[in-house]
Amino acid sequence: MAELFDFSYFPILETERLRLRAITHDDAQAMVDLFAHPDVQAYIILEPPCGTLDEAVAFIDWMNGHALGKGALRWGITLKGGDDTLIGTIGFHFWSREHRRADIGYDVNRAYWGRGYATEATHTLLRWCFDHLDLHRIQADCTAGNLGSERVLEKVGFTCEGLWRESCFEHGRFVDLKQYGLLKREYVGEG
């Protein structure tokens, strides 16, 4: 295992097609665009987390603030060789050093769905988390019915472990959450 990540820098991660980097205030319009589409909003609790530039800046500050607490990081997903425009975000949160686990989450602009970007970014995030956070387990949840997110989690090796019935109140109704888990010994990486 590499040395345990100490949050003294922000790691840049790269895949064949993607670059994962820090999210800055320059990404505010891209954040508004990301959450503007109803398909993206359909499975998030916040309605939307940023509908204006001011709300996007506050949301970016909120996400980046978790790094100061040394318990979470959120990367901006951009296309390699492109203009560095943010097309989504991905990260880990609820990092428990004691229990050696963390949760992950991601979102991708609707215009970029169906191209495998979420799967590619998630593989990179998983590999980095297992290598740099000394994790035994990574977990994720998604609203029941979010088939795209379920497919991403299953493609990278997660197992659906259960259902939290009416666990969240989203868009005026209680919804079930599917809980997924992946143990380090189960993760085989990109195949």
N, C-alpha and C. Protein backbone atom coordinates (compact mmCIF):
# COMPACT_ATOMS: atom_id res chain seq x y z
N MET A 1 0.83 -1.18 0.00
CA MET A 1 0.00 0.00 0.00
C MET A 1 0.88 1.24 0.00
N ALA A 2 0.45 2.25 -0.75
CA ALA A 2 1.14 3.53 -0.73
C ALA A 2 0.90 4.20 0.62
N GLU A 3 1.64 5.25 0.87
CA GLU A 3 1.47 6.00 2.12
C GLU A 3 0.04 6.54 2.20
N LEU A 4 -0.53 6.54 3.42
CA LEU A 4 -1.89 7.00 3.64
C LEU A 4 -2.01 8.47 3.23
N PHE A 5 -3.01 8.78 2.45
CA PHE A 5 -3.24 10.14 1.95
C PHE A 5 -3.44 11.09 3.12
N ASP A 6 -2.76 12.25 3.08
CA ASP A 6 -2.80 13.19 4.20
C ASP A 6 -3.49 14.52 3.88
N PHE A 7 -4.06 14.65 2.68
CA PHE A 7 -4.79 15.86 2.27
C PHE A 7 -3.88 17.09 2.15
N SER A 8 -2.58 16.90 2.02
CA SER A 8 -1.67 18.04 1.87
C SER A 8 -1.65 18.55 0.43
N TYR A 9 -2.28 17.85 -0.49
CA TYR A 9 -2.36 18.26 -1.90
C TYR A 9 -3.64 17.67 -2.47
N PHE A 10 -4.01 18.14 -3.66
CA PHE A 10 -5.18 17.59 -4.33
C PHE A 10 -4.69 16.72 -5.49
N PRO A 11 -4.92 15.41 -5.42
CA PRO A 11 -4.40 14.51 -6.47
C PRO A 11 -5.17 14.66 -7.78
N ILE A 12 -4.45 14.71 -8.88
CA ILE A 12 -5.03 14.69 -10.21
C ILE A 12 -4.99 13.23 -10.68
N LEU A 13 -6.14 12.72 -11.13
CA LEU A 13 -6.22 11.34 -11.59
C LEU A 13 -6.54 11.34 -13.07
N GLU A 14 -5.96 10.41 -13.82
CA GLU A 14 -6.21 10.34 -15.25
C GLU A 14 -6.55 8.92 -15.67
N THR A 15 -7.41 8.85 -16.68
CA THR A 15 -7.76 7.59 -17.32
C THR A 15 -7.41 7.75 -18.79
N GLU A 16 -7.79 6.78 -19.57
CA GLU A 16 -7.54 6.88 -21.01
C GLU A 16 -8.22 8.10 -21.62
N ARG A 17 -9.45 8.39 -21.16
CA ARG A 17 -10.23 9.48 -21.77
C ARG A 17 -10.53 10.65 -20.83
N LEU A 18 -10.26 10.48 -19.54
CA LEU A 18 -10.73 11.47 -18.56
C LEU A 18 -9.59 12.00 -17.69
N ARG A 19 -9.83 13.20 -17.20
CA ARG A 19 -8.95 13.82 -16.20
C ARG A 19 -9.83 14.21 -15.02
N LEU A 20 -9.45 13.77 -13.83
CA LEU A 20 -10.17 14.11 -12.61
C LEU A 20 -9.31 15.11 -11.84
N ARG A 21 -9.89 16.28 -11.59
CA ARG A 21 -9.14 17.38 -11.01
C ARG A 21 -9.97 18.11 -9.96
N ALA A 22 -9.36 19.05 -9.28
CA ALA A 22 -10.07 19.85 -8.29
C ALA A 22 -11.18 20.66 -8.97
N ILE A 23 -12.25 20.89 -8.23
CA ILE A 23 -13.36 21.72 -8.70
C ILE A 23 -13.13 23.13 -8.17
N THR A 24 -13.21 24.12 -9.06
CA THR A 24 -12.96 25.52 -8.68
C THR A 24 -14.18 26.37 -9.01
N HIS A 25 -14.11 27.62 -8.58
CA HIS A 25 -15.20 28.56 -8.88
C HIS A 25 -15.39 28.75 -10.38
N ASP A 26 -14.33 28.53 -11.16
CA ASP A 26 -14.45 28.62 -12.63
C ASP A 26 -15.40 27.56 -13.18
N ASP A 27 -15.72 26.56 -12.39
CA ASP A 27 -16.63 25.49 -12.82
C ASP A 27 -18.09 25.78 -12.48
N ALA A 28 -18.37 26.95 -11.96
CA ALA A 28 -19.73 27.25 -11.48
C ALA A 28 -20.78 27.07 -12.58
N GLN A 29 -20.55 27.60 -13.77
CA GLN A 29 -21.55 27.46 -14.83
C GLN A 29 -21.72 26.00 -15.23
N ALA A 30 -20.62 25.26 -15.29
CA ALA A 30 -20.71 23.83 -15.63
C ALA A 30 -21.49 23.07 -14.56
N MET A 31 -21.36 23.48 -13.30
CA MET A 31 -22.13 22.85 -12.23
C MET A 31 -23.62 23.14 -12.39
N VAL A 32 -23.97 24.38 -12.73
CA VAL A 32 -25.37 24.72 -12.98
C VAL A 32 -25.89 23.87 -14.14
N ASP A 33 -25.10 23.78 -15.21
CA ASP A 33 -25.51 22.99 -16.38
C ASP A 33 -25.67 21.51 -16.02
N LEU A 34 -24.77 20.99 -15.20
CA LEU A 34 -24.81 19.58 -14.79
C LEU A 34 -26.13 19.24 -14.12
N PHE A 35 -26.57 20.08 -13.20
CA PHE A 35 -27.77 19.78 -12.43
C PHE A 35 -29.05 20.35 -13.02
N ALA A 36 -28.96 20.99 -14.18
CA ALA A 36 -30.14 21.62 -14.79
C ALA A 36 -31.09 20.61 -15.43
N HIS A 37 -30.57 19.48 -15.89
CA HIS A 37 -31.40 18.53 -16.63
C HIS A 37 -32.28 17.73 -15.66
N PRO A 38 -33.55 17.59 -15.97
CA PRO A 38 -34.46 16.83 -15.09
C PRO A 38 -34.02 15.38 -14.86
N ASP A 39 -33.37 14.75 -15.84
CA ASP A 39 -32.91 13.38 -15.66
C ASP A 39 -31.83 13.28 -14.58
N VAL A 40 -30.99 14.31 -14.47
CA VAL A 40 -29.95 14.33 -13.44
C VAL A 40 -30.60 14.61 -12.09
N GLN A 41 -31.56 15.51 -12.07
CA GLN A 41 -32.23 15.88 -10.82
C GLN A 41 -33.10 14.75 -10.26
N ALA A 42 -33.53 13.84 -11.11
CA ALA A 42 -34.52 12.83 -10.72
C ALA A 42 -34.10 11.99 -9.51
N TYR A 43 -32.80 11.78 -9.33
CA TYR A 43 -32.36 10.86 -8.28
C TYR A 43 -31.43 11.52 -7.27
N ILE A 44 -31.54 12.83 -7.12
CA ILE A 44 -30.77 13.49 -6.07
C ILE A 44 -31.73 14.11 -5.06
N ILE A 45 -31.28 14.19 -3.84
CA ILE A 45 -32.14 14.69 -2.76
C ILE A 45 -32.33 16.19 -2.87
N LEU A 46 -31.24 16.92 -3.13
CA LEU A 46 -31.33 18.37 -3.24
C LEU A 46 -32.04 18.74 -4.54
N GLU A 47 -32.80 19.79 -4.53
CA GLU A 47 -33.63 20.11 -5.69
C GLU A 47 -33.35 21.47 -6.28
N PRO A 48 -32.55 21.69 -7.23
CA PRO A 48 -31.23 21.10 -7.45
C PRO A 48 -30.23 21.73 -6.49
N PRO A 49 -29.04 21.15 -6.35
CA PRO A 49 -28.08 21.72 -5.41
C PRO A 49 -27.56 23.08 -5.84
N CYS A 50 -27.65 23.38 -7.13
CA CYS A 50 -27.20 24.70 -7.59
C CYS A 50 -27.92 25.06 -8.89
N GLY A 51 -28.85 25.97 -8.76
CA GLY A 51 -29.59 26.43 -9.93
C GLY A 51 -29.10 27.77 -10.45
N THR A 52 -28.27 28.45 -9.66
CA THR A 52 -27.70 29.75 -10.06
C THR A 52 -26.19 29.70 -9.87
N LEU A 53 -25.51 30.69 -10.44
CA LEU A 53 -24.05 30.74 -10.28
C LEU A 53 -23.66 30.91 -8.81
N ASP A 54 -24.38 31.76 -8.08
CA ASP A 54 -24.08 31.95 -6.66
C ASP A 54 -24.26 30.65 -5.88
N GLU A 55 -25.32 29.91 -6.18
CA GLU A 55 -25.55 28.63 -5.51
C GLU A 55 -24.47 27.62 -5.90
N ALA A 56 -24.01 27.68 -7.15
CA ALA A 56 -22.95 26.77 -7.60
C ALA A 56 -21.65 27.06 -6.86
N VAL A 57 -21.31 28.34 -6.71
CA VAL A 57 -20.09 28.70 -5.98
C VAL A 57 -20.18 28.21 -4.53
N ALA A 58 -21.34 28.41 -3.90
CA ALA A 58 -21.53 27.94 -2.53
C ALA A 58 -21.43 26.41 -2.45
N PHE A 59 -21.98 25.71 -3.45
CA PHE A 59 -21.93 24.25 -3.48
C PHE A 59 -20.48 23.77 -3.66
N ILE A 60 -19.74 24.43 -4.53
CA ILE A 60 -18.32 24.10 -4.75
C ILE A 60 -17.55 24.31 -3.44
N ASP A 61 -17.79 25.42 -2.78
CA ASP A 61 -17.12 25.68 -1.50
C ASP A 61 -17.48 24.62 -0.46
N TRP A 62 -18.74 24.22 -0.44
CA TRP A 62 -19.19 23.19 0.49
C TRP A 62 -18.46 21.86 0.21
N MET A 63 -18.41 21.46 -1.08
CA MET A 63 -17.73 20.21 -1.43
C MET A 63 -16.25 20.29 -1.08
N ASN A 64 -15.59 21.39 -1.44
CA ASN A 64 -14.16 21.53 -1.17
C ASN A 64 -13.88 21.67 0.32
N GLY A 65 -14.83 22.17 1.07
CA GLY A 65 -14.66 22.29 2.51
C GLY A 65 -14.50 20.96 3.21
N HIS A 66 -15.05 19.90 2.65
CA HIS A 66 -14.92 18.58 3.26
C HIS A 66 -13.46 18.10 3.24
N ALA A 67 -12.69 18.56 2.27
CA ALA A 67 -11.27 18.18 2.23
C ALA A 67 -10.53 18.78 3.42
N LEU A 68 -10.95 19.96 3.86
CA LEU A 68 -10.31 20.59 5.02
C LEU A 68 -10.50 19.74 6.28
N GLY A 69 -11.63 19.04 6.35
CA GLY A 69 -11.89 18.14 7.47
C GLY A 69 -11.21 16.79 7.31
N LYS A 70 -10.53 16.59 6.21
CA LYS A 70 -9.77 15.38 5.92
C LYS A 70 -10.62 14.12 5.97
N GLY A 71 -11.85 14.23 5.43
CA GLY A 71 -12.72 13.07 5.42
C GLY A 71 -13.38 12.81 4.09
N ALA A 72 -13.11 13.68 3.09
CA ALA A 72 -13.77 13.53 1.79
C ALA A 72 -13.00 14.33 0.74
N LEU A 73 -13.14 13.89 -0.52
CA LEU A 73 -12.65 14.63 -1.69
C LEU A 73 -13.65 14.48 -2.80
N ARG A 74 -13.83 15.55 -3.57
CA ARG A 74 -14.70 15.49 -4.75
C ARG A 74 -13.93 16.05 -5.93
N TRP A 75 -13.80 15.23 -6.98
CA TRP A 75 -13.10 15.62 -8.19
C TRP A 75 -14.09 16.11 -9.24
N GLY A 76 -13.63 17.00 -10.09
CA GLY A 76 -14.35 17.35 -11.30
C GLY A 76 -13.91 16.40 -12.39
N ILE A 77 -14.86 15.89 -13.16
CA ILE A 77 -14.54 15.00 -14.28
C ILE A 77 -14.49 15.85 -15.54
N THR A 78 -13.37 15.77 -16.28
CA THR A 78 -13.23 16.49 -17.54
C THR A 78 -12.71 15.52 -18.60
N LEU A 79 -12.89 15.90 -19.86
CA LEU A 79 -12.39 15.08 -20.97
C LEU A 79 -10.93 15.41 -21.22
N LYS A 80 -10.09 14.39 -21.33
CA LYS A 80 -8.69 14.60 -21.66
C LYS A 80 -8.58 15.18 -23.06
N GLY A 81 -7.71 16.13 -23.23
CA GLY A 81 -7.50 16.70 -24.54
C GLY A 81 -8.58 17.69 -24.93
N GLY A 82 -9.56 17.90 -24.06
CA GLY A 82 -10.62 18.86 -24.34
C GLY A 82 -10.28 20.22 -23.76
N ASP A 83 -11.32 21.00 -23.53
CA ASP A 83 -11.11 22.36 -23.01
C ASP A 83 -11.17 22.43 -21.49
N ASP A 84 -11.13 21.29 -20.82
CA ASP A 84 -11.12 21.17 -19.37
C ASP A 84 -12.46 21.54 -18.73
N THR A 85 -13.54 21.53 -19.53
CA THR A 85 -14.87 21.80 -18.99
C THR A 85 -15.33 20.63 -18.15
N LEU A 86 -15.87 20.92 -16.99
CA LEU A 86 -16.38 19.91 -16.08
C LEU A 86 -17.62 19.25 -16.69
N ILE A 87 -17.60 17.91 -16.79
CA ILE A 87 -18.77 17.17 -17.30
C ILE A 87 -19.43 16.35 -16.20
N GLY A 88 -18.84 16.35 -15.01
CA GLY A 88 -19.41 15.61 -13.89
C GLY A 88 -18.53 15.75 -12.67
N THR A 89 -18.95 15.08 -11.60
CA THR A 89 -18.14 15.05 -10.38
C THR A 89 -18.14 13.63 -9.82
N ILE A 90 -17.13 13.34 -9.03
CA ILE A 90 -17.01 12.03 -8.40
C ILE A 90 -16.17 12.18 -7.15
N GLY A 91 -16.46 11.37 -6.15
CA GLY A 91 -15.63 11.46 -4.96
C GLY A 91 -16.01 10.47 -3.89
N PHE A 92 -15.27 10.56 -2.78
CA PHE A 92 -15.55 9.72 -1.62
C PHE A 92 -15.92 10.63 -0.46
N HIS A 93 -16.68 10.08 0.47
CA HIS A 93 -17.09 10.81 1.66
C HIS A 93 -17.33 9.80 2.79
N PHE A 94 -17.60 10.30 3.97
CA PHE A 94 -17.80 9.43 5.15
C PHE A 94 -16.65 8.44 5.33
N TRP A 95 -15.41 8.92 5.13
CA TRP A 95 -14.25 8.05 5.30
C TRP A 95 -14.07 7.74 6.78
N SER A 96 -14.13 6.47 7.12
CA SER A 96 -13.90 6.00 8.49
C SER A 96 -12.56 5.29 8.52
N ARG A 97 -11.56 5.94 9.12
CA ARG A 97 -10.25 5.31 9.24
C ARG A 97 -10.33 4.09 10.16
N GLU A 98 -11.12 4.21 11.22
CA GLU A 98 -11.25 3.11 12.19
C GLU A 98 -11.82 1.86 11.53
N HIS A 99 -12.86 2.03 10.74
CA HIS A 99 -13.53 0.88 10.12
C HIS A 99 -13.03 0.60 8.70
N ARG A 100 -12.12 1.45 8.22
CA ARG A 100 -11.49 1.31 6.90
C ARG A 100 -12.53 1.18 5.79
N ARG A 101 -13.45 2.15 5.79
CA ARG A 101 -14.48 2.17 4.74
C ARG A 101 -14.76 3.63 4.36
N ALA A 102 -15.35 3.77 3.19
CA ALA A 102 -15.80 5.09 2.71
C ALA A 102 -16.96 4.86 1.75
N ASP A 103 -17.73 5.91 1.55
CA ASP A 103 -18.80 5.91 0.57
C ASP A 103 -18.33 6.68 -0.66
N ILE A 104 -18.88 6.34 -1.82
CA ILE A 104 -18.57 7.09 -3.03
C ILE A 104 -19.86 7.60 -3.66
N GLY A 105 -19.71 8.59 -4.52
CA GLY A 105 -20.84 9.11 -5.29
C GLY A 105 -20.33 9.78 -6.55
N TYR A 106 -21.20 9.93 -7.52
CA TYR A 106 -20.82 10.53 -8.80
C TYR A 106 -22.06 11.08 -9.48
N ASP A 107 -21.84 12.00 -10.39
CA ASP A 107 -22.90 12.50 -11.26
C ASP A 107 -22.25 12.99 -12.55
N VAL A 108 -22.97 12.83 -13.65
CA VAL A 108 -22.46 13.19 -14.97
C VAL A 108 -23.53 13.99 -15.70
N ASN A 109 -23.10 15.04 -16.38
CA ASN A 109 -24.00 15.86 -17.19
C ASN A 109 -24.75 14.96 -18.18
N ARG A 110 -26.04 15.18 -18.31
CA ARG A 110 -26.91 14.34 -19.15
C ARG A 110 -26.40 14.21 -20.58
N ALA A 111 -25.77 15.25 -21.10
CA ALA A 111 -25.26 15.23 -22.48
C ALA A 111 -24.14 14.20 -22.67
N TYR A 112 -23.58 13.69 -21.56
CA TYR A 112 -22.46 12.75 -21.64
C TYR A 112 -22.82 11.34 -21.16
N TRP A 113 -24.09 11.09 -20.94
CA TRP A 113 -24.52 9.76 -20.51
C TRP A 113 -24.33 8.74 -21.65
N GLY A 114 -24.19 7.49 -21.27
CA GLY A 114 -24.15 6.40 -22.25
C GLY A 114 -22.81 6.21 -22.93
N ARG A 115 -21.76 6.86 -22.46
CA ARG A 115 -20.45 6.75 -23.08
C ARG A 115 -19.43 6.04 -22.20
N GLY A 116 -19.87 5.59 -21.03
CA GLY A 116 -18.97 4.87 -20.14
C GLY A 116 -18.10 5.75 -19.27
N TYR A 117 -18.35 7.06 -19.26
CA TYR A 117 -17.50 7.97 -18.48
C TYR A 117 -17.64 7.72 -16.97
N ALA A 118 -18.86 7.50 -16.49
CA ALA A 118 -19.05 7.26 -15.05
C ALA A 118 -18.34 5.98 -14.63
N THR A 119 -18.42 4.94 -15.44
CA THR A 119 -17.75 3.68 -15.13
C THR A 119 -16.24 3.86 -15.11
N GLU A 120 -15.72 4.55 -16.11
CA GLU A 120 -14.27 4.79 -16.21
C GLU A 120 -13.76 5.60 -15.01
N ALA A 121 -14.48 6.65 -14.67
CA ALA A 121 -14.08 7.49 -13.54
C ALA A 121 -14.19 6.71 -12.23
N THR A 122 -15.22 5.88 -12.10
CA THR A 122 -15.42 5.12 -10.87
C THR A 122 -14.31 4.10 -10.68
N HIS A 123 -13.89 3.42 -11.75
CA HIS A 123 -12.75 2.50 -11.65
C HIS A 123 -11.53 3.23 -11.10
N THR A 124 -11.26 4.41 -11.63
CA THR A 124 -10.09 5.16 -11.21
C THR A 124 -10.20 5.59 -9.76
N LEU A 125 -11.39 6.03 -9.37
CA LEU A 125 -11.62 6.42 -7.98
C LEU A 125 -11.43 5.23 -7.04
N LEU A 126 -12.00 4.09 -7.38
CA LEU A 126 -11.87 2.90 -6.53
C LEU A 126 -10.42 2.50 -6.35
N ARG A 127 -9.69 2.46 -7.45
CA ARG A 127 -8.28 2.07 -7.38
C ARG A 127 -7.52 3.05 -6.47
N TRP A 128 -7.76 4.36 -6.66
CA TRP A 128 -7.08 5.36 -5.84
C TRP A 128 -7.45 5.20 -4.37
N CYS A 129 -8.73 5.03 -4.07
CA CYS A 129 -9.18 4.89 -2.68
C CYS A 129 -8.59 3.66 -2.01
N PHE A 130 -8.61 2.53 -2.70
CA PHE A 130 -8.03 1.32 -2.11
C PHE A 130 -6.51 1.49 -1.90
N ASP A 131 -5.84 2.17 -2.82
CA ASP A 131 -4.39 2.34 -2.73
C ASP A 131 -3.95 3.39 -1.72
N HIS A 132 -4.75 4.45 -1.51
CA HIS A 132 -4.28 5.60 -0.73
C HIS A 132 -5.04 5.85 0.58
N LEU A 133 -6.15 5.14 0.80
CA LEU A 133 -6.92 5.36 2.02
C LEU A 133 -6.92 4.13 2.94
N ASP A 134 -6.22 3.08 2.53
CA ASP A 134 -6.17 1.83 3.31
C ASP A 134 -7.57 1.30 3.62
N LEU A 135 -8.41 1.28 2.59
CA LEU A 135 -9.79 0.84 2.78
C LEU A 135 -9.92 -0.68 2.67
N HIS A 136 -10.82 -1.20 3.45
CA HIS A 136 -11.24 -2.60 3.35
C HIS A 136 -12.53 -2.69 2.53
N ARG A 137 -13.35 -1.62 2.62
CA ARG A 137 -14.67 -1.64 2.00
C ARG A 137 -14.99 -0.25 1.44
N ILE A 138 -15.64 -0.25 0.28
CA ILE A 138 -16.22 0.96 -0.29
C ILE A 138 -17.69 0.68 -0.50
N GLN A 139 -18.51 1.66 -0.16
CA GLN A 139 -19.95 1.46 -0.31
C GLN A 139 -20.57 2.63 -1.05
N ALA A 140 -21.75 2.39 -1.57
CA ALA A 140 -22.51 3.41 -2.30
C ALA A 140 -23.98 3.07 -2.20
N ASP A 141 -24.79 4.09 -2.27
CA ASP A 141 -26.22 3.83 -2.34
C ASP A 141 -26.79 4.62 -3.50
N CYS A 142 -27.92 4.16 -3.99
CA CYS A 142 -28.61 4.88 -5.04
C CYS A 142 -30.11 4.65 -4.88
N THR A 143 -30.85 5.64 -5.33
CA THR A 143 -32.30 5.54 -5.26
C THR A 143 -32.75 4.36 -6.11
N ALA A 144 -33.62 3.53 -5.55
CA ALA A 144 -34.18 2.42 -6.32
C ALA A 144 -34.81 2.99 -7.59
N GLY A 145 -34.51 2.38 -8.70
CA GLY A 145 -35.01 2.86 -9.99
C GLY A 145 -33.97 3.62 -10.78
N ASN A 146 -32.85 4.00 -10.16
CA ASN A 146 -31.78 4.70 -10.86
C ASN A 146 -30.92 3.65 -11.57
N LEU A 147 -31.45 3.14 -12.67
CA LEU A 147 -30.83 2.01 -13.36
C LEU A 147 -29.44 2.32 -13.88
N GLY A 148 -29.20 3.56 -14.32
CA GLY A 148 -27.88 3.93 -14.81
C GLY A 148 -26.83 3.82 -13.73
N SER A 149 -27.13 4.33 -12.55
CA SER A 149 -26.19 4.25 -11.44
C SER A 149 -26.00 2.81 -10.97
N GLU A 150 -27.09 2.05 -10.94
CA GLU A 150 -26.98 0.63 -10.57
C GLU A 150 -26.04 -0.09 -11.53
N ARG A 151 -26.17 0.18 -12.84
CA ARG A 151 -25.31 -0.48 -13.84
C ARG A 151 -23.85 -0.12 -13.62
N VAL A 152 -23.57 1.17 -13.34
CA VAL A 152 -22.18 1.57 -13.10
C VAL A 152 -21.61 0.79 -11.93
N LEU A 153 -22.34 0.77 -10.82
CA LEU A 153 -21.84 0.07 -9.62
C LEU A 153 -21.62 -1.41 -9.89
N GLU A 154 -22.52 -2.04 -10.60
CA GLU A 154 -22.37 -3.47 -10.89
C GLU A 154 -21.21 -3.72 -11.85
N LYS A 155 -21.01 -2.84 -12.84
CA LYS A 155 -19.91 -3.01 -13.80
C LYS A 155 -18.55 -2.97 -13.12
N VAL A 156 -18.42 -2.16 -12.07
CA VAL A 156 -17.12 -2.04 -11.41
C VAL A 156 -16.95 -3.03 -10.26
N GLY A 157 -17.95 -3.89 -10.04
CA GLY A 157 -17.79 -4.99 -9.10
C GLY A 157 -18.59 -4.93 -7.82
N PHE A 158 -19.39 -3.90 -7.61
CA PHE A 158 -20.19 -3.80 -6.40
C PHE A 158 -21.27 -4.88 -6.37
N THR A 159 -21.67 -5.27 -5.16
CA THR A 159 -22.77 -6.19 -4.93
C THR A 159 -23.90 -5.43 -4.26
N CYS A 160 -25.11 -5.63 -4.74
CA CYS A 160 -26.28 -5.04 -4.07
C CYS A 160 -26.50 -5.84 -2.79
N GLU A 161 -26.42 -5.16 -1.66
CA GLU A 161 -26.49 -5.85 -0.37
C GLU A 161 -27.84 -5.69 0.33
N GLY A 162 -28.65 -4.77 -0.16
CA GLY A 162 -29.94 -4.62 0.51
C GLY A 162 -30.67 -3.37 0.09
N LEU A 163 -31.80 -3.19 0.70
CA LEU A 163 -32.68 -2.08 0.38
C LEU A 163 -33.08 -1.38 1.67
N TRP A 164 -32.87 -0.08 1.72
CA TRP A 164 -33.33 0.73 2.84
C TRP A 164 -34.67 1.31 2.43
N ARG A 165 -35.74 0.76 2.97
CA ARG A 165 -37.08 1.14 2.56
C ARG A 165 -37.42 2.56 3.00
N GLU A 166 -37.91 3.34 2.04
CA GLU A 166 -38.34 4.72 2.28
C GLU A 166 -37.35 5.48 3.16
N SER A 167 -36.09 5.40 2.77
CA SER A 167 -34.99 5.95 3.56
C SER A 167 -34.78 7.45 3.36
N CYS A 168 -35.16 7.97 2.21
CA CYS A 168 -34.95 9.39 1.91
C CYS A 168 -36.23 10.02 1.38
N PHE A 169 -36.32 11.31 1.60
CA PHE A 169 -37.46 12.08 1.09
C PHE A 169 -36.94 12.88 -0.09
N GLU A 170 -37.28 12.45 -1.30
CA GLU A 170 -36.82 13.08 -2.54
C GLU A 170 -38.02 13.57 -3.33
N HIS A 171 -37.98 14.81 -3.74
CA HIS A 171 -38.98 15.36 -4.65
C HIS A 171 -40.41 15.11 -4.15
N GLY A 172 -40.61 15.34 -2.85
CA GLY A 172 -41.96 15.26 -2.30
C GLY A 172 -42.46 13.87 -1.97
N ARG A 173 -41.55 12.87 -1.96
CA ARG A 173 -41.99 11.51 -1.65
C ARG A 173 -40.85 10.74 -0.99
N PHE A 174 -41.21 9.73 -0.22
CA PHE A 174 -40.20 8.85 0.35
C PHE A 174 -39.78 7.83 -0.69
N VAL A 175 -38.47 7.57 -0.77
CA VAL A 175 -37.94 6.63 -1.75
C VAL A 175 -37.05 5.60 -1.06
N ASP A 176 -36.97 4.43 -1.68
CA ASP A 176 -36.08 3.37 -1.21
C ASP A 176 -34.67 3.64 -1.72
N LEU A 177 -33.68 3.26 -0.92
CA LEU A 177 -32.28 3.33 -1.35
C LEU A 177 -31.73 1.92 -1.44
N LYS A 178 -31.04 1.63 -2.54
CA LYS A 178 -30.32 0.37 -2.68
C LYS A 178 -28.91 0.59 -2.14
N GLN A 179 -28.46 -0.33 -1.30
CA GLN A 179 -27.12 -0.25 -0.72
C GLN A 179 -26.20 -1.23 -1.42
N TYR A 180 -25.06 -0.71 -1.90
CA TYR A 180 -24.06 -1.52 -2.59
C TYR A 180 -22.77 -1.52 -1.80
N GLY A 181 -22.02 -2.62 -1.88
CA GLY A 181 -20.74 -2.72 -1.22
C GLY A 181 -19.71 -3.44 -2.07
N LEU A 182 -18.44 -3.08 -1.86
CA LEU A 182 -17.33 -3.71 -2.57
C LEU A 182 -16.16 -3.83 -1.59
N LEU A 183 -15.70 -5.06 -1.40
CA LEU A 183 -14.55 -5.30 -0.53
C LEU A 183 -13.27 -5.27 -1.37
N LYS A 184 -12.18 -4.85 -0.76
CA LYS A 184 -10.92 -4.72 -1.50
C LYS A 184 -10.54 -6.03 -2.19
N ARG A 185 -10.74 -7.15 -1.51
CA ARG A 185 -10.34 -8.43 -2.11
C ARG A 185 -11.21 -8.79 -3.32
N GLU A 186 -12.37 -8.15 -3.45
CA GLU A 186 -13.26 -8.42 -4.58
C GLU A 186 -12.96 -7.54 -5.79
N TYR A 187 -12.28 -6.44 -5.56
CA TYR A 187 -12.07 -5.49 -6.65
C TYR A 187 -10.96 -5.98 -7.59
N VAL A 188 -11.33 -6.15 -8.84
CA VAL A 188 -10.37 -6.65 -9.82
C VAL A 188 -9.89 -5.56 -10.77
N GLY A 189 -10.46 -4.38 -10.67
CA GLY A 189 -10.05 -3.28 -11.53
C GLY A 189 -10.66 -3.39 -12.91
N GLU A 190 -10.16 -2.55 -13.77
CA GLU A 190 -10.70 -2.53 -15.14
C GLU A 190 -10.34 -3.83 -15.83
N GLY A 191 -11.31 -4.33 -16.56
CA GLY A 191 -11.08 -5.63 -17.18
C GLY A 191 -11.19 -5.63 -18.59
